[in-house]
PDB file of all heavy atoms in Angstrom:
ATOM      1  N   GLN A   1       5.289   5.001  -6.216  1.00  0.00           N
ATOM      2  CA  GLN A   1       5.183   6.408  -5.843  1.00  0.00           C
ATOM      3  C   GLN A   1       3.894   6.670  -5.057  1.00  0.00           C
ATOM      4  O   GLN A   1       3.897   7.438  -4.087  1.00  0.00           O
ATOM      5  CB  GLN A   1       5.230   7.274  -7.101  1.00  0.00           C
ATOM      6  CG  GLN A   1       6.576   7.230  -7.814  1.00  0.00           C
ATOM      7  CD  GLN A   1       6.528   7.849  -9.203  1.00  0.00           C
ATOM      8  OE1 GLN A   1       5.490   8.327  -9.660  1.00  0.00           O
ATOM      9  NE2 GLN A   1       7.667   7.833  -9.893  1.00  0.00           N
ATOM     10  N   TYR A   2       2.810   6.020  -5.461  1.00  0.00           N
ATOM     11  CA  TYR A   2       1.551   6.170  -4.730  1.00  0.00           C
ATOM     12  C   TYR A   2       1.687   5.658  -3.296  1.00  0.00           C
ATOM     13  O   TYR A   2       1.159   6.248  -2.351  1.00  0.00           O
ATOM     14  CB  TYR A   2       0.426   5.410  -5.437  1.00  0.00           C
ATOM     15  CG  TYR A   2       0.066   5.942  -6.804  1.00  0.00           C
ATOM     16  CD1 TYR A   2      -0.598   5.126  -7.728  1.00  0.00           C
ATOM     17  CD2 TYR A   2       0.386   7.234  -7.186  1.00  0.00           C
ATOM     18  CE1 TYR A   2      -0.934   5.606  -8.985  1.00  0.00           C
ATOM     19  CE2 TYR A   2       0.056   7.714  -8.435  1.00  0.00           C
ATOM     20  CZ  TYR A   2      -0.609   6.896  -9.344  1.00  0.00           C
ATOM     21  OH  TYR A   2      -0.943   7.372 -10.584  1.00  0.00           O
ATOM     22  N   ALA A   3       2.386   4.545  -3.144  1.00  0.00           N
ATOM     23  CA  ALA A   3       2.577   3.980  -1.809  1.00  0.00           C
ATOM     24  C   ALA A   3       3.343   4.948  -0.915  1.00  0.00           C
ATOM     25  O   ALA A   3       3.003   5.130   0.263  1.00  0.00           O
ATOM     26  CB  ALA A   3       3.322   2.646  -1.907  1.00  0.00           C
ATOM     27  N   ILE A   4       4.354   5.584  -1.467  1.00  0.00           N
ATOM     28  CA  ILE A   4       5.170   6.530  -0.695  1.00  0.00           C
ATOM     29  C   ILE A   4       4.338   7.746  -0.292  1.00  0.00           C
ATOM     30  O   ILE A   4       4.354   8.177   0.868  1.00  0.00           O
ATOM     31  CB  ILE A   4       6.403   6.949  -1.516  1.00  0.00           C
ATOM     32  CG1 ILE A   4       7.362   5.765  -1.641  1.00  0.00           C
ATOM     33  CG2 ILE A   4       7.106   8.152  -0.887  1.00  0.00           C
ATOM     34  CD1 ILE A   4       8.407   5.936  -2.719  1.00  0.00           C
ATOM     35  N   MET A   5       3.588   8.297  -1.243  1.00  0.00           N
ATOM     36  CA  MET A   5       2.764   9.473  -0.933  1.00  0.00           C
ATOM     37  C   MET A   5       1.616   9.110   0.006  1.00  0.00           C
ATOM     38  O   MET A   5       1.294   9.867   0.934  1.00  0.00           O
ATOM     39  CB  MET A   5       2.238  10.095  -2.224  1.00  0.00           C
ATOM     40  CG  MET A   5       3.317  10.755  -3.069  1.00  0.00           C
ATOM     41  SD  MET A   5       2.675  11.747  -4.448  1.00  0.00           S
ATOM     42  CE  MET A   5       2.050  10.454  -5.536  1.00  0.00           C
ATOM     43  N   GLY A   6       0.997   7.957  -0.211  1.00  0.00           N
ATOM     44  CA  GLY A   6      -0.076   7.515   0.681  1.00  0.00           C
ATOM     45  C   GLY A   6       0.425   7.293   2.090  1.00  0.00           C
ATOM     46  O   GLY A   6      -0.261   7.602   3.074  1.00  0.00           O
ATOM     47  N   ASN A   7       1.624   6.769   2.208  1.00  0.00           N
ATOM     48  CA  ASN A   7       2.235   6.536   3.506  1.00  0.00           C
ATOM     49  C   ASN A   7       2.462   7.851   4.245  1.00  0.00           C
ATOM     50  O   ASN A   7       2.116   7.988   5.434  1.00  0.00           O
ATOM     51  CB  ASN A   7       3.567   5.810   3.311  1.00  0.00           C
ATOM     52  CG  ASN A   7       4.302   5.553   4.609  1.00  0.00           C
ATOM     53  OD1 ASN A   7       3.798   4.879   5.507  1.00  0.00           O
ATOM     54  ND2 ASN A   7       5.507   6.104   4.732  1.00  0.00           N
ATOM     55  N   LEU A   8       3.023   8.841   3.546  1.00  0.00           N
ATOM     56  CA  LEU A   8       3.256  10.147   4.155  1.00  0.00           C
ATOM     57  C   LEU A   8       1.941  10.820   4.552  1.00  0.00           C
ATOM     58  O   LEU A   8       1.836  11.444   5.608  1.00  0.00           O
ATOM     59  CB  LEU A   8       4.040  11.045   3.186  1.00  0.00           C
ATOM     60  CG  LEU A   8       5.511  10.687   2.967  1.00  0.00           C
ATOM     61  CD1 LEU A   8       6.092  11.480   1.801  1.00  0.00           C
ATOM     62  CD2 LEU A   8       6.313  10.949   4.226  1.00  0.00           C
ATOM     63  N   TYR A   9       0.924  10.700   3.691  1.00  0.00           N
ATOM     64  CA  TYR A   9      -0.381  11.300   3.981  1.00  0.00           C
ATOM     65  C   TYR A   9      -1.012  10.652   5.213  1.00  0.00           C
ATOM     66  O   TYR A   9      -1.543  11.348   6.089  1.00  0.00           O
ATOM     67  CB  TYR A   9      -1.308  11.143   2.777  1.00  0.00           C
ATOM     68  CG  TYR A   9      -2.663  11.798   2.956  1.00  0.00           C
ATOM     69  CD1 TYR A   9      -2.894  13.089   2.487  1.00  0.00           C
ATOM     70  CD2 TYR A   9      -3.712  11.124   3.577  1.00  0.00           C
ATOM     71  CE1 TYR A   9      -4.126  13.698   2.651  1.00  0.00           C
ATOM     72  CE2 TYR A   9      -4.949  11.732   3.747  1.00  0.00           C
ATOM     73  CZ  TYR A   9      -5.152  13.008   3.293  1.00  0.00           C
ATOM     74  OH  TYR A   9      -6.376  13.601   3.466  1.00  0.00           O
ATOM     75  N   ALA A  10      -0.977   9.325   5.286  1.00  0.00           N
ATOM     76  CA  ALA A  10      -1.581   8.617   6.420  1.00  0.00           C
ATOM     77  C   ALA A  10      -0.906   8.999   7.728  1.00  0.00           C
ATOM     78  O   ALA A  10      -1.552   9.100   8.774  1.00  0.00           O
ATOM     79  CB  ALA A  10      -1.508   7.106   6.199  1.00  0.00           C
ATOM     80  N   LYS A  11       0.391   9.215   7.686  1.00  0.00           N
ATOM     81  CA  LYS A  11       1.107   9.657   8.885  1.00  0.00           C
ATOM     82  C   LYS A  11       0.740  11.089   9.243  1.00  0.00           C
ATOM     83  O   LYS A  11       0.441  11.414  10.395  1.00  0.00           O
ATOM     84  CB  LYS A  11       2.620   9.563   8.666  1.00  0.00           C
ATOM     85  CG  LYS A  11       3.183   8.151   8.647  1.00  0.00           C
ATOM     86  CD  LYS A  11       4.701   8.184   8.438  1.00  0.00           C
ATOM     87  CE  LYS A  11       5.305   6.787   8.515  1.00  0.00           C
ATOM     88  NZ  LYS A  11       6.783   6.815   8.306  1.00  0.00           N
ATOM     89  N   ASP A  12       0.751  11.952   8.244  1.00  0.00           N
ATOM     90  CA  ASP A  12       0.636  13.392   8.447  1.00  0.00           C
ATOM     91  C   ASP A  12      -0.798  13.835   8.741  1.00  0.00           C
ATOM     92  O   ASP A  12      -1.023  14.703   9.591  1.00  0.00           O
ATOM     93  CB  ASP A  12       1.141  14.109   7.193  1.00  0.00           C
ATOM     94  CG  ASP A  12       1.964  15.336   7.524  1.00  0.00           C
ATOM     95  OD1 ASP A  12       2.680  15.305   8.539  1.00  0.00           O
ATOM     96  OD2 ASP A  12       1.897  16.328   6.777  1.00  0.00           O
ATOM     97  N   ILE A  13      -1.768  13.268   8.039  1.00  0.00           N
ATOM     98  CA  ILE A  13      -3.157  13.725   8.148  1.00  0.00           C
ATOM     99  C   ILE A  13      -4.004  12.802   9.020  1.00  0.00           C
ATOM    100  O   ILE A  13      -4.787  13.263   9.848  1.00  0.00           O
ATOM    101  CB  ILE A  13      -3.792  13.862   6.747  1.00  0.00           C
ATOM    102  CG1 ILE A  13      -2.963  14.815   5.875  1.00  0.00           C
ATOM    103  CG2 ILE A  13      -5.230  14.353   6.855  1.00  0.00           C
ATOM    104  CD1 ILE A  13      -2.813  16.223   6.440  1.00  0.00           C
ATOM    105  N   LEU A  14      -3.858  11.486   8.858  1.00  0.00           N
ATOM    106  CA  LEU A  14      -4.646  10.547   9.659  1.00  0.00           C
ATOM    107  C   LEU A  14      -4.003  10.253  11.008  1.00  0.00           C
ATOM    108  O   LEU A  14      -4.661   9.733  11.910  1.00  0.00           O
ATOM    109  CB  LEU A  14      -4.857   9.239   8.886  1.00  0.00           C
ATOM    110  CG  LEU A  14      -5.592   9.356   7.542  1.00  0.00           C
ATOM    111  CD1 LEU A  14      -5.771   7.978   6.916  1.00  0.00           C
ATOM    112  CD2 LEU A  14      -6.937  10.049   7.709  1.00  0.00           C
ATOM    113  N   GLY A  15      -2.719  10.553  11.131  1.00  0.00           N
ATOM    114  CA  GLY A  15      -2.036  10.368  12.409  1.00  0.00           C
ATOM    115  C   GLY A  15      -1.609   8.947  12.702  1.00  0.00           C
ATOM    116  O   GLY A  15      -1.410   8.586  13.866  1.00  0.00           O
ATOM    117  N   TYR A  16      -1.440   8.107  11.672  1.00  0.00           N
ATOM    118  CA  TYR A  16      -1.018   6.723  11.872  1.00  0.00           C
ATOM    119  C   TYR A  16       0.508   6.666  11.943  1.00  0.00           C
ATOM    120  O   TYR A  16       1.201   7.121  11.027  1.00  0.00           O
ATOM    121  CB  TYR A  16      -1.512   5.834  10.734  1.00  0.00           C
ATOM    122  CG  TYR A  16      -3.022   5.785  10.582  1.00  0.00           C
ATOM    123  CD1 TYR A  16      -3.609   5.300   9.411  1.00  0.00           C
ATOM    124  CD2 TYR A  16      -3.863   6.228  11.603  1.00  0.00           C
ATOM    125  CE1 TYR A  16      -4.995   5.249   9.266  1.00  0.00           C
ATOM    126  CE2 TYR A  16      -5.248   6.186  11.462  1.00  0.00           C
ATOM    127  CZ  TYR A  16      -5.803   5.702  10.292  1.00  0.00           C
ATOM    128  OH  TYR A  16      -7.166   5.650  10.143  1.00  0.00           O
ATOM    129  N   ALA A  17       1.032   6.097  13.004  1.00  0.00           N
ATOM    130  CA  ALA A  17       2.477   6.081  13.225  1.00  0.00           C
ATOM    131  C   ALA A  17       3.210   5.216  12.207  1.00  0.00           C
ATOM    132  O   ALA A  17       4.291   5.581  11.732  1.00  0.00           O
ATOM    133  CB  ALA A  17       2.783   5.594  14.644  1.00  0.00           C
ATOM    134  N   ASN A  18       2.641   4.073  11.858  1.00  0.00           N
ATOM    135  CA  ASN A  18       3.297   3.137  10.945  1.00  0.00           C
ATOM    136  C   ASN A  18       2.251   2.515  10.024  1.00  0.00           C
ATOM    137  O   ASN A  18       1.890   1.338  10.172  1.00  0.00           O
ATOM    138  CB  ASN A  18       4.032   2.056  11.743  1.00  0.00           C
ATOM    139  CG  ASN A  18       4.952   1.212  10.884  1.00  0.00           C
ATOM    140  OD1 ASN A  18       5.480   1.675   9.872  1.00  0.00           O
ATOM    141  ND2 ASN A  18       5.165  -0.037  11.288  1.00  0.00           N
ATOM    142  N   PRO A  19       1.736   3.280   9.062  1.00  0.00           N
ATOM    143  CA  PRO A  19       0.635   2.807   8.206  1.00  0.00           C
ATOM    144  C   PRO A  19       0.975   1.513   7.478  1.00  0.00           C
ATOM    145  O   PRO A  19       2.089   1.329   6.994  1.00  0.00           O
ATOM    146  CB  PRO A  19       0.449   3.954   7.207  1.00  0.00           C
ATOM    147  CG  PRO A  19       1.095   5.138   7.835  1.00  0.00           C
ATOM    148  CD  PRO A  19       2.211   4.612   8.660  1.00  0.00           C
ATOM    149  N   ARG A  20      -0.009   0.618   7.416  1.00  0.00           N
ATOM    150  CA  ARG A  20       0.161  -0.637   6.686  1.00  0.00           C
ATOM    151  C   ARG A  20      -0.190  -0.413   5.219  1.00  0.00           C
ATOM    152  O   ARG A  20      -1.294  -0.005   4.908  1.00  0.00           O
ATOM    153  CB  ARG A  20      -0.740  -1.715   7.290  1.00  0.00           C
ATOM    154  CG  ARG A  20      -0.403  -2.083   8.738  1.00  0.00           C
ATOM    155  CD  ARG A  20      -1.551  -2.843   9.391  1.00  0.00           C
ATOM    156  NE  ARG A  20      -2.768  -2.038   9.398  1.00  0.00           N
ATOM    157  CZ  ARG A  20      -3.983  -2.516   9.101  1.00  0.00           C
ATOM    158  NH1 ARG A  20      -4.140  -3.795   8.792  1.00  0.00           N
ATOM    159  NH2 ARG A  20      -5.032  -1.728   9.141  1.00  0.00           N
ATOM    160  N   ILE A  21       0.771  -0.688   4.351  1.00  0.00           N
ATOM    161  CA  ILE A  21       0.584  -0.474   2.913  1.00  0.00           C
ATOM    162  C   ILE A  21       0.235  -1.800   2.258  1.00  0.00           C
ATOM    163  O   ILE A  21       0.974  -2.785   2.387  1.00  0.00           O
ATOM    164  CB  ILE A  21       1.866   0.084   2.260  1.00  0.00           C
ATOM    165  CG1 ILE A  21       2.468   1.213   3.095  1.00  0.00           C
ATOM    166  CG2 ILE A  21       1.574   0.518   0.836  1.00  0.00           C
ATOM    167  CD1 ILE A  21       1.614   2.433   3.227  1.00  0.00           C
ATOM    168  N   GLY A  22      -0.898  -1.838   1.558  1.00  0.00           N
ATOM    169  CA  GLY A  22      -1.304  -3.050   0.861  1.00  0.00           C
ATOM    170  C   GLY A  22      -1.478  -2.811  -0.631  1.00  0.00           C
ATOM    171  O   GLY A  22      -1.899  -1.739  -1.053  1.00  0.00           O
ATOM    172  N   LEU A  23      -1.140  -3.816  -1.427  1.00  0.00           N
ATOM    173  CA  LEU A  23      -1.330  -3.757  -2.879  1.00  0.00           C
ATOM    174  C   LEU A  23      -2.605  -4.503  -3.232  1.00  0.00           C
ATOM    175  O   LEU A  23      -2.727  -5.703  -2.956  1.00  0.00           O
ATOM    176  CB  LEU A  23      -0.131  -4.390  -3.587  1.00  0.00           C
ATOM    177  CG  LEU A  23      -0.208  -4.506  -5.120  1.00  0.00           C
ATOM    178  CD1 LEU A  23      -0.251  -3.126  -5.774  1.00  0.00           C
ATOM    179  CD2 LEU A  23       0.965  -5.325  -5.659  1.00  0.00           C
ATOM    180  N   LEU A  24      -3.577  -3.811  -3.820  1.00  0.00           N
ATOM    181  CA  LEU A  24      -4.839  -4.446  -4.189  1.00  0.00           C
ATOM    182  C   LEU A  24      -4.601  -5.460  -5.301  1.00  0.00           C
ATOM    183  O   LEU A  24      -4.049  -5.123  -6.350  1.00  0.00           O
ATOM    184  CB  LEU A  24      -5.849  -3.386  -4.642  1.00  0.00           C
ATOM    185  CG  LEU A  24      -7.279  -3.870  -4.873  1.00  0.00           C
ATOM    186  CD1 LEU A  24      -7.891  -4.412  -3.580  1.00  0.00           C
ATOM    187  CD2 LEU A  24      -8.145  -2.738  -5.421  1.00  0.00           C
ATOM    188  N   ASN A  25      -5.014  -6.712  -5.056  1.00  0.00           N
ATOM    189  CA  ASN A  25      -4.740  -7.778  -6.008  1.00  0.00           C
ATOM    190  C   ASN A  25      -5.850  -8.814  -5.939  1.00  0.00           C
ATOM    191  O   ASN A  25      -6.759  -8.717  -5.106  1.00  0.00           O
ATOM    192  CB  ASN A  25      -3.371  -8.418  -5.698  1.00  0.00           C
ATOM    193  CG  ASN A  25      -2.695  -8.973  -6.940  1.00  0.00           C
ATOM    194  OD1 ASN A  25      -3.339  -9.319  -7.920  1.00  0.00           O
ATOM    195  ND2 ASN A  25      -1.369  -9.070  -6.882  1.00  0.00           N
ATOM    196  N   ASN A  26      -5.773  -9.828  -6.784  1.00  0.00           N
ATOM    197  CA  ASN A  26      -6.807 -10.866  -6.814  1.00  0.00           C
ATOM    198  C   ASN A  26      -6.451 -12.059  -5.929  1.00  0.00           C
ATOM    199  O   ASN A  26      -6.997 -13.152  -6.091  1.00  0.00           O
ATOM    200  CB  ASN A  26      -7.053 -11.346  -8.254  1.00  0.00           C
ATOM    201  CG  ASN A  26      -5.823 -12.002  -8.872  1.00  0.00           C
ATOM    202  OD1 ASN A  26      -4.713 -11.837  -8.389  1.00  0.00           O
ATOM    203  ND2 ASN A  26      -6.035 -12.748  -9.953  1.00  0.00           N
ATOM    204  N   GLY A  27      -5.564 -11.851  -5.000  1.00  0.00           N
ATOM    205  CA  GLY A  27      -5.190 -12.874  -4.036  1.00  0.00           C
ATOM    206  C   GLY A  27      -4.106 -12.318  -3.133  1.00  0.00           C
ATOM    207  O   GLY A  27      -3.429 -11.341  -3.482  1.00  0.00           O
ATOM    208  N   THR A  28      -3.929 -12.908  -1.973  1.00  0.00           N
ATOM    209  CA  THR A  28      -2.957 -12.385  -1.014  1.00  0.00           C
ATOM    210  C   THR A  28      -1.547 -12.923  -1.231  1.00  0.00           C
ATOM    211  O   THR A  28      -0.582 -12.346  -0.719  1.00  0.00           O
ATOM    212  CB  THR A  28      -3.395 -12.717   0.423  1.00  0.00           C
ATOM    213  OG1 THR A  28      -3.549 -14.143   0.557  1.00  0.00           O
ATOM    214  CG2 THR A  28      -4.718 -12.045   0.758  1.00  0.00           C
ATOM    215  N   GLU A  29      -1.411 -14.008  -1.987  1.00  0.00           N
ATOM    216  CA  GLU A  29      -0.083 -14.574  -2.228  1.00  0.00           C
ATOM    217  C   GLU A  29       0.766 -13.631  -3.072  1.00  0.00           C
ATOM    218  O   GLU A  29       0.262 -12.955  -3.963  1.00  0.00           O
ATOM    219  CB  GLU A  29      -0.203 -15.932  -2.926  1.00  0.00           C
ATOM    220  CG  GLU A  29      -0.972 -16.982  -2.144  1.00  0.00           C
ATOM    221  CD  GLU A  29      -2.459 -16.935  -2.392  1.00  0.00           C
ATOM    222  OE1 GLU A  29      -2.936 -15.968  -3.031  1.00  0.00           O
ATOM    223  OE2 GLU A  29      -3.160 -17.867  -1.950  1.00  0.00           O
ATOM    224  N   ALA A  30       2.072 -13.606  -2.804  1.00  0.00           N
ATOM    225  CA  ALA A  30       2.995 -12.706  -3.505  1.00  0.00           C
ATOM    226  C   ALA A  30       3.045 -12.973  -5.002  1.00  0.00           C
ATOM    227  O   ALA A  30       3.375 -12.079  -5.790  1.00  0.00           O
ATOM    228  CB  ALA A  30       4.389 -12.819  -2.904  1.00  0.00           C
ATOM    229  N   THR A  31       2.725 -14.183  -5.413  1.00  0.00           N
ATOM    230  CA  THR A  31       2.805 -14.558  -6.836  1.00  0.00           C
ATOM    231  C   THR A  31       1.520 -14.274  -7.600  1.00  0.00           C
ATOM    232  O   THR A  31       1.446 -14.536  -8.802  1.00  0.00           O
ATOM    233  CB  THR A  31       3.131 -16.051  -6.969  1.00  0.00           C
ATOM    234  OG1 THR A  31       2.146 -16.821  -6.243  1.00  0.00           O
ATOM    235  CG2 THR A  31       4.512 -16.354  -6.400  1.00  0.00           C
ATOM    236  N   LYS A  32       0.520 -13.740  -6.939  1.00  0.00           N
ATOM    237  CA  LYS A  32      -0.770 -13.488  -7.585  1.00  0.00           C
ATOM    238  C   LYS A  32      -0.699 -12.275  -8.503  1.00  0.00           C
ATOM    239  O   LYS A  32       0.149 -11.406  -8.376  1.00  0.00           O
ATOM    240  CB  LYS A  32      -1.847 -13.256  -6.526  1.00  0.00           C
ATOM    241  CG  LYS A  32      -2.348 -14.510  -5.842  1.00  0.00           C
ATOM    242  CD  LYS A  32      -3.217 -15.331  -6.787  1.00  0.00           C
ATOM    243  CE  LYS A  32      -3.860 -16.506  -6.071  1.00  0.00           C
ATOM    244  NZ  LYS A  32      -4.762 -17.248  -6.962  1.00  0.00           N
ATOM    245  N   GLY A  33      -1.657 -12.215  -9.434  1.00  0.00           N
ATOM    246  CA  GLY A  33      -1.822 -11.046 -10.270  1.00  0.00           C
ATOM    247  C   GLY A  33      -1.084 -11.117 -11.588  1.00  0.00           C
ATOM    248  O   GLY A  33      -0.338 -12.050 -11.873  1.00  0.00           O
ATOM    249  N   ASP A  34      -1.300 -10.088 -12.391  1.00  0.00           N
ATOM    250  CA  ASP A  34      -0.649 -10.005 -13.698  1.00  0.00           C
ATOM    251  C   ASP A  34       0.775  -9.477 -13.535  1.00  0.00           C
ATOM    252  O   ASP A  34       1.273  -9.285 -12.425  1.00  0.00           O
ATOM    253  CB  ASP A  34      -1.465  -9.120 -14.641  1.00  0.00           C
ATOM    254  CG  ASP A  34      -1.720  -7.729 -14.071  1.00  0.00           C
ATOM    255  OD1 ASP A  34      -1.052  -7.356 -13.075  1.00  0.00           O
ATOM    256  OD2 ASP A  34      -2.576  -7.009 -14.617  1.00  0.00           O
ATOM    257  N   GLU A  35       1.414  -9.216 -14.663  1.00  0.00           N
ATOM    258  CA  GLU A  35       2.809  -8.775 -14.648  1.00  0.00           C
ATOM    259  C   GLU A  35       2.979  -7.456 -13.883  1.00  0.00           C
ATOM    260  O   GLU A  35       3.943  -7.278 -13.132  1.00  0.00           O
ATOM    261  CB  GLU A  35       3.311  -8.611 -16.079  1.00  0.00           C
ATOM    262  CG  GLU A  35       4.791  -8.241 -16.188  1.00  0.00           C
ATOM    263  CD  GLU A  35       5.266  -8.145 -17.633  1.00  0.00           C
ATOM    264  OE1 GLU A  35       4.579  -8.694 -18.517  1.00  0.00           O
ATOM    265  OE2 GLU A  35       6.309  -7.501 -17.851  1.00  0.00           O
ATOM    266  N   LEU A  36       2.021  -6.526 -14.070  1.00  0.00           N
ATOM    267  CA  LEU A  36       2.081  -5.247 -13.370  1.00  0.00           C
ATOM    268  C   LEU A  36       2.100  -5.447 -11.859  1.00  0.00           C
ATOM    269  O   LEU A  36       2.941  -4.872 -11.145  1.00  0.00           O
ATOM    270  CB  LEU A  36       0.887  -4.369 -13.764  1.00  0.00           C
ATOM    271  CG  LEU A  36       0.646  -3.132 -12.880  1.00  0.00           C
ATOM    272  CD1 LEU A  36       1.783  -2.135 -13.032  1.00  0.00           C
ATOM    273  CD2 LEU A  36      -0.703  -2.484 -13.218  1.00  0.00           C
ATOM    274  N   HIS A  37       1.178  -6.273 -11.360  1.00  0.00           N
ATOM    275  CA  HIS A  37       1.062  -6.444  -9.910  1.00  0.00           C
ATOM    276  C   HIS A  37       2.239  -7.223  -9.332  1.00  0.00           C
ATOM    277  O   HIS A  37       2.673  -6.951  -8.208  1.00  0.00           O
ATOM    278  CB  HIS A  37      -0.266  -7.124  -9.574  1.00  0.00           C
ATOM    279  CG  HIS A  37      -1.448  -6.220  -9.737  1.00  0.00           C
ATOM    280  ND1 HIS A  37      -2.022  -5.972 -10.969  1.00  0.00           N
ATOM    281  CD2 HIS A  37      -2.150  -5.491  -8.832  1.00  0.00           C
ATOM    282  CE1 HIS A  37      -3.023  -5.130 -10.819  1.00  0.00           C
ATOM    283  NE2 HIS A  37      -3.131  -4.820  -9.544  1.00  0.00           N
TER     284      HIS A  37
END
């Protein structure tokens, strides 16, 4: 839900046409992080 709202905000207020959404984690690999991540 945060990603969806952040995406809309970045488009609407910052003016970014296609904002890049990233998940903060302890590594860039898809398998990184705990169960939540």
